[in-house]
Amino acid sequence: MEESLKNRVILILGILTVIFFIGTLSSCNSSLRNKSARDKEMAARLELEERMSKSSQDKASVEKQLAAATQQLEEEKAGRQASEKALLQEQLVNQSLREELQKVTKFKEALEEDLKEALVTNKSVKSKQ
């Protein structure tokens, strides 16, 4: 009977060993899957972090370009306003010169008329003498 008890104990210990061995393999497999998932997650995080860093650099570059374009636009606006002021002043000067030219032309015409009248009067006075 002792032999039978030894066989039973050996059988129970063998079954327990197989159960523990299967449990160990299952645990290792689960650990491997968890490690693989964690590695994938870390790779995804690193990739996202690199994208974010690149986006930040791109954003800074675009902001610099925007600031430069805004400054250039302001300079061009100032130049355009100065040109408009100069053009307006030239138009006013031109208008003033036109008015002066018209006055001079009228004065010249009046003088020519006076000169013609004086010549006609002078000729008539000379012919009467």
C-alpha atoms as a PDB file:
ATOM      1  CA  MET A   1       0.000   0.000   0.000  1.00  0.00           C
ATOM      2  CA  GLU A   2       2.850   2.198   0.646  1.00  0.00           C
ATOM      3  CA  GLU A   3       3.855   1.703  -2.967  1.00  0.00           C
ATOM      4  CA  SER A   4       0.428   2.787  -4.124  1.00  0.00           C
ATOM      5  CA  LEU A   5       0.597   5.879  -1.919  1.00  0.00           C
ATOM      6  CA  LYS A   6       4.003   6.754  -3.344  1.00  0.00           C
ATOM      7  CA  ASN A   7       2.643   6.361  -6.860  1.00  0.00           C
ATOM      8  CA  ARG A   8      -0.301   8.609  -6.047  1.00  0.00           C
ATOM      9  CA  VAL A   9       1.949  11.247  -4.513  1.00  0.00           C
ATOM     10  CA  ILE A  10       4.243  11.072  -7.542  1.00  0.00           C
ATOM     11  CA  LEU A  11       1.233  11.306  -9.863  1.00  0.00           C
ATOM     12  CA  ILE A  12      -0.197  14.282  -7.921  1.00  0.00           C
ATOM     13  CA  LEU A  13       3.203  15.968  -7.868  1.00  0.00           C
ATOM     14  CA  GLY A  14       3.627  15.328 -11.630  1.00  0.00           C
ATOM     15  CA  ILE A  15       0.182  16.800 -12.364  1.00  0.00           C
ATOM     16  CA  LEU A  16       0.941  19.803 -10.143  1.00  0.00           C
ATOM     17  CA  THR A  17       4.301  20.221 -11.886  1.00  0.00           C
ATOM     18  CA  VAL A  18       2.604  20.170 -15.318  1.00  0.00           C
ATOM     19  CA  ILE A  19      -0.040  22.655 -14.066  1.00  0.00           C
ATOM     20  CA  PHE A  20       2.630  24.975 -12.670  1.00  0.00           C
ATOM     21  CA  PHE A  21       4.695  24.580 -15.850  1.00  0.00           C
ATOM     22  CA  ILE A  22       1.669  25.508 -17.995  1.00  0.00           C
ATOM     23  CA  GLY A  23       0.966  28.440 -15.639  1.00  0.00           C
ATOM     24  CA  THR A  24       4.585  29.578 -15.969  1.00  0.00           C
ATOM     25  CA  LEU A  25       4.434  29.380 -19.766  1.00  0.00           C
ATOM     26  CA  SER A  26       1.139  31.266 -19.779  1.00  0.00           C
ATOM     27  CA  SER A  27       2.618  33.939 -17.514  1.00  0.00           C
ATOM     28  CA  CYS A  28       5.684  34.292 -19.746  1.00  0.00           C
ATOM     29  CA  ASN A  29       3.467  34.556 -22.826  1.00  0.00           C
ATOM     30  CA  SER A  30       1.318  37.206 -21.144  1.00  0.00           C
ATOM     31  CA  SER A  31       4.410  39.100 -20.046  1.00  0.00           C
ATOM     32  CA  LEU A  32       5.765  38.969 -23.608  1.00  0.00           C
ATOM     33  CA  ARG A  33       2.464  40.338 -25.000  1.00  0.00           C
ATOM     34  CA  ASN A  34       2.445  43.104 -22.372  1.00  0.00           C
ATOM     35  CA  LYS A  35       6.055  43.994 -23.184  1.00  0.00           C
ATOM     36  CA  SER A  36       5.275  44.079 -26.897  1.00  0.00           C
ATOM     37  CA  ALA A  37       2.237  46.323 -26.301  1.00  0.00           C
ATOM     38  CA  ARG A  38       4.304  48.594 -24.053  1.00  0.00           C
ATOM     39  CA  ASP A  39       7.070  48.825 -26.703  1.00  0.00           C
ATOM     40  CA  LYS A  40       4.497  49.700 -29.382  1.00  0.00           C
ATOM     41  CA  GLU A  41       2.984  52.347 -27.115  1.00  0.00           C
ATOM     42  CA  MET A  42       6.441  53.826 -26.403  1.00  0.00           C
ATOM     43  CA  ALA A  43       7.241  53.894 -30.125  1.00  0.00           C
ATOM     44  CA  ALA A  44       3.918  55.630 -30.816  1.00  0.00           C
ATOM     45  CA  ARG A  45       4.565  58.150 -28.043  1.00  0.00           C
ATOM     46  CA  LEU A  46       8.065  58.877 -29.342  1.00  0.00           C
ATOM     47  CA  GLU A  47       6.713  59.344 -32.852  1.00  0.00           C
ATOM     48  CA  LEU A  48       3.995  61.676 -31.590  1.00  0.00           C
ATOM     49  CA  GLU A  49       6.540  63.600 -29.556  1.00  0.00           C
ATOM     50  CA  GLU A  50       8.769  63.981 -32.628  1.00  0.00           C
ATOM     51  CA  ARG A  51       5.784  65.176 -34.665  1.00  0.00           C
ATOM     52  CA  MET A  52       4.874  67.633 -31.939  1.00  0.00           C
ATOM     53  CA  SER A  53       8.445  68.917 -31.796  1.00  0.00           C
ATOM     54  CA  LYS A  54       8.549  69.290 -35.572  1.00  0.00           C
ATOM     55  CA  SER A  55       5.158  71.017 -35.512  1.00  0.00           C
ATOM     56  CA  SER A  56       6.427  73.419 -32.884  1.00  0.00           C
ATOM     57  CA  GLN A  57       9.466  74.224 -34.999  1.00  0.00           C
ATOM     58  CA  ASP A  58       7.296  74.648 -38.096  1.00  0.00           C
ATOM     59  CA  LYS A  59       4.937  76.875 -36.136  1.00  0.00           C
ATOM     60  CA  ALA A  60       7.819  79.039 -34.949  1.00  0.00           C
ATOM     61  CA  SER A  61       9.148  79.281 -38.507  1.00  0.00           C
ATOM     62  CA  VAL A  62       5.723  80.205 -39.871  1.00  0.00           C
ATOM     63  CA  GLU A  63       5.267  82.789 -37.111  1.00  0.00           C
ATOM     64  CA  LYS A  64       8.622  84.357 -38.056  1.00  0.00           C
ATOM     65  CA  GLN A  65       7.585  84.441 -41.705  1.00  0.00           C
ATOM     66  CA  LEU A  66       4.246  85.953 -40.735  1.00  0.00           C
ATOM     67  CA  ALA A  67       5.950  88.622 -38.651  1.00  0.00           C
ATOM     68  CA  ALA A  68       8.317  89.434 -41.530  1.00  0.00           C
ATOM     69  CA  ALA A  69       5.430  89.581 -44.008  1.00  0.00           C
ATOM     70  CA  THR A  70       3.430  91.779 -41.635  1.00  0.00           C
ATOM     71  CA  GLN A  71       6.368  94.127 -41.203  1.00  0.00           C
ATOM     72  CA  GLN A  72       6.899  94.267 -44.963  1.00  0.00           C
ATOM     73  CA  LEU A  73       3.204  94.977 -45.445  1.00  0.00           C
ATOM     74  CA  GLU A  74       3.356  97.817 -42.934  1.00  0.00           C
ATOM     75  CA  GLU A  75       6.397  99.262 -44.702  1.00  0.00           C
ATOM     76  CA  GLU A  76       4.624  99.027 -48.041  1.00  0.00           C
ATOM     77  CA  LYS A  77       1.525 100.676 -46.556  1.00  0.00           C
ATOM     78  CA  ALA A  78       3.663 103.520 -45.223  1.00  0.00           C
ATOM     79  CA  GLY A  79       5.365 103.878 -48.606  1.00  0.00           C
ATOM     80  CA  ARG A  80       2.012 103.868 -50.385  1.00  0.00           C
ATOM     81  CA  GLN A  81       0.630 106.506 -48.034  1.00  0.00           C
ATOM     82  CA  ALA A  82       3.713 108.672 -48.602  1.00  0.00           C
ATOM     83  CA  SER A  83       3.317 108.227 -52.360  1.00  0.00           C
ATOM     84  CA  GLU A  84      -0.357 109.145 -52.123  1.00  0.00           C
ATOM     85  CA  LYS A  85       0.504 112.290 -50.160  1.00  0.00           C
ATOM     86  CA  ALA A  86       3.169 113.251 -52.688  1.00  0.00           C
ATOM     87  CA  LEU A  87       0.744 112.602 -55.551  1.00  0.00           C
ATOM     88  CA  LEU A  88      -1.926 114.703 -53.873  1.00  0.00           C
ATOM     89  CA  GLN A  89       0.555 117.545 -53.375  1.00  0.00           C
ATOM     90  CA  GLU A  90       1.627 117.338 -57.015  1.00  0.00           C
ATOM     91  CA  GLN A  91      -2.011 117.380 -58.107  1.00  0.00           C
ATOM     92  CA  LEU A  92      -2.602 120.476 -56.000  1.00  0.00           C
ATOM     93  CA  VAL A  93       0.495 122.130 -57.452  1.00  0.00           C
ATOM     94  CA  ASN A  94      -0.640 121.179 -60.972  1.00  0.00           C
ATOM     95  CA  GLN A  95      -4.086 122.597 -60.296  1.00  0.00           C
ATOM     96  CA  SER A  96      -2.544 125.793 -58.961  1.00  0.00           C
ATOM     97  CA  LEU A  97      -0.273 126.049 -62.000  1.00  0.00           C
ATOM     98  CA  ARG A  98      -3.239 125.505 -64.340  1.00  0.00           C
ATOM     99  CA  GLU A  99      -5.123 128.296 -62.612  1.00  0.00           C
ATOM    100  CA  GLU A 100      -2.085 130.577 -62.875  1.00  0.00           C
ATOM    101  CA  LEU A 101      -1.682 129.644 -66.536  1.00  0.00           C
ATOM    102  CA  GLN A 102      -5.324 130.476 -67.191  1.00  0.00           C
ATOM    103  CA  LYS A 103      -4.924 133.841 -65.439  1.00  0.00           C
ATOM    104  CA  VAL A 104      -1.747 134.601 -67.418  1.00  0.00           C
ATOM    105  CA  THR A 105      -3.436 133.539 -70.654  1.00  0.00           C
ATOM    106  CA  LYS A 106      -6.418 135.811 -69.943  1.00  0.00           C
ATOM    107  CA  PHE A 107      -4.063 138.645 -69.020  1.00  0.00           C
ATOM    108  CA  LYS A 108      -2.058 138.057 -72.216  1.00  0.00           C
ATOM    109  CA  GLU A 109      -5.222 138.075 -74.307  1.00  0.00           C
ATOM    110  CA  ALA A 110      -6.340 141.274 -72.605  1.00  0.00           C
ATOM    111  CA  LEU A 111      -2.929 142.848 -73.267  1.00  0.00           C
ATOM    112  CA  GLU A 112      -3.051 141.741 -76.903  1.00  0.00           C
ATOM    113  CA  GLU A 113      -6.484 143.315 -77.251  1.00  0.00           C
ATOM    114  CA  ASP A 114      -5.216 146.496 -75.622  1.00  0.00           C
ATOM    115  CA  LEU A 115      -2.176 146.450 -77.921  1.00  0.00           C
ATOM    116  CA  LYS A 116      -4.374 145.991 -80.993  1.00  0.00           C
ATOM    117  CA  GLU A 117      -6.607 148.839 -79.879  1.00  0.00           C
ATOM    118  CA  ALA A 118      -3.554 151.011 -79.228  1.00  0.00           C
ATOM    119  CA  LEU A 119      -2.148 150.202 -82.672  1.00  0.00           C
ATOM    120  CA  VAL A 120      -5.459 150.917 -84.345  1.00  0.00           C
ATOM    121  CA  THR A 121      -5.767 154.168 -82.403  1.00  0.00           C
ATOM    122  CA  ASN A 122      -2.176 155.053 -83.175  1.00  0.00           C
ATOM    123  CA  LYS A 123      -2.697 154.395 -86.903  1.00  0.00           C
ATOM    124  CA  SER A 124      -5.843 156.496 -86.903  1.00  0.00           C
ATOM    125  CA  VAL A 125      -4.078 159.358 -85.136  1.00  0.00           C
ATOM    126  CA  LYS A 126      -1.160 159.201 -87.601  1.00  0.00           C
ATOM    127  CA  SER A 127      -3.453 159.064 -90.608  1.00  0.00           C
ATOM    128  CA  LYS A 128      -5.366 162.139 -89.369  1.00  0.00           C
ATOM    129  CA  GLN A 129      -2.176 164.102 -89.145  1.00  0.00           C
END
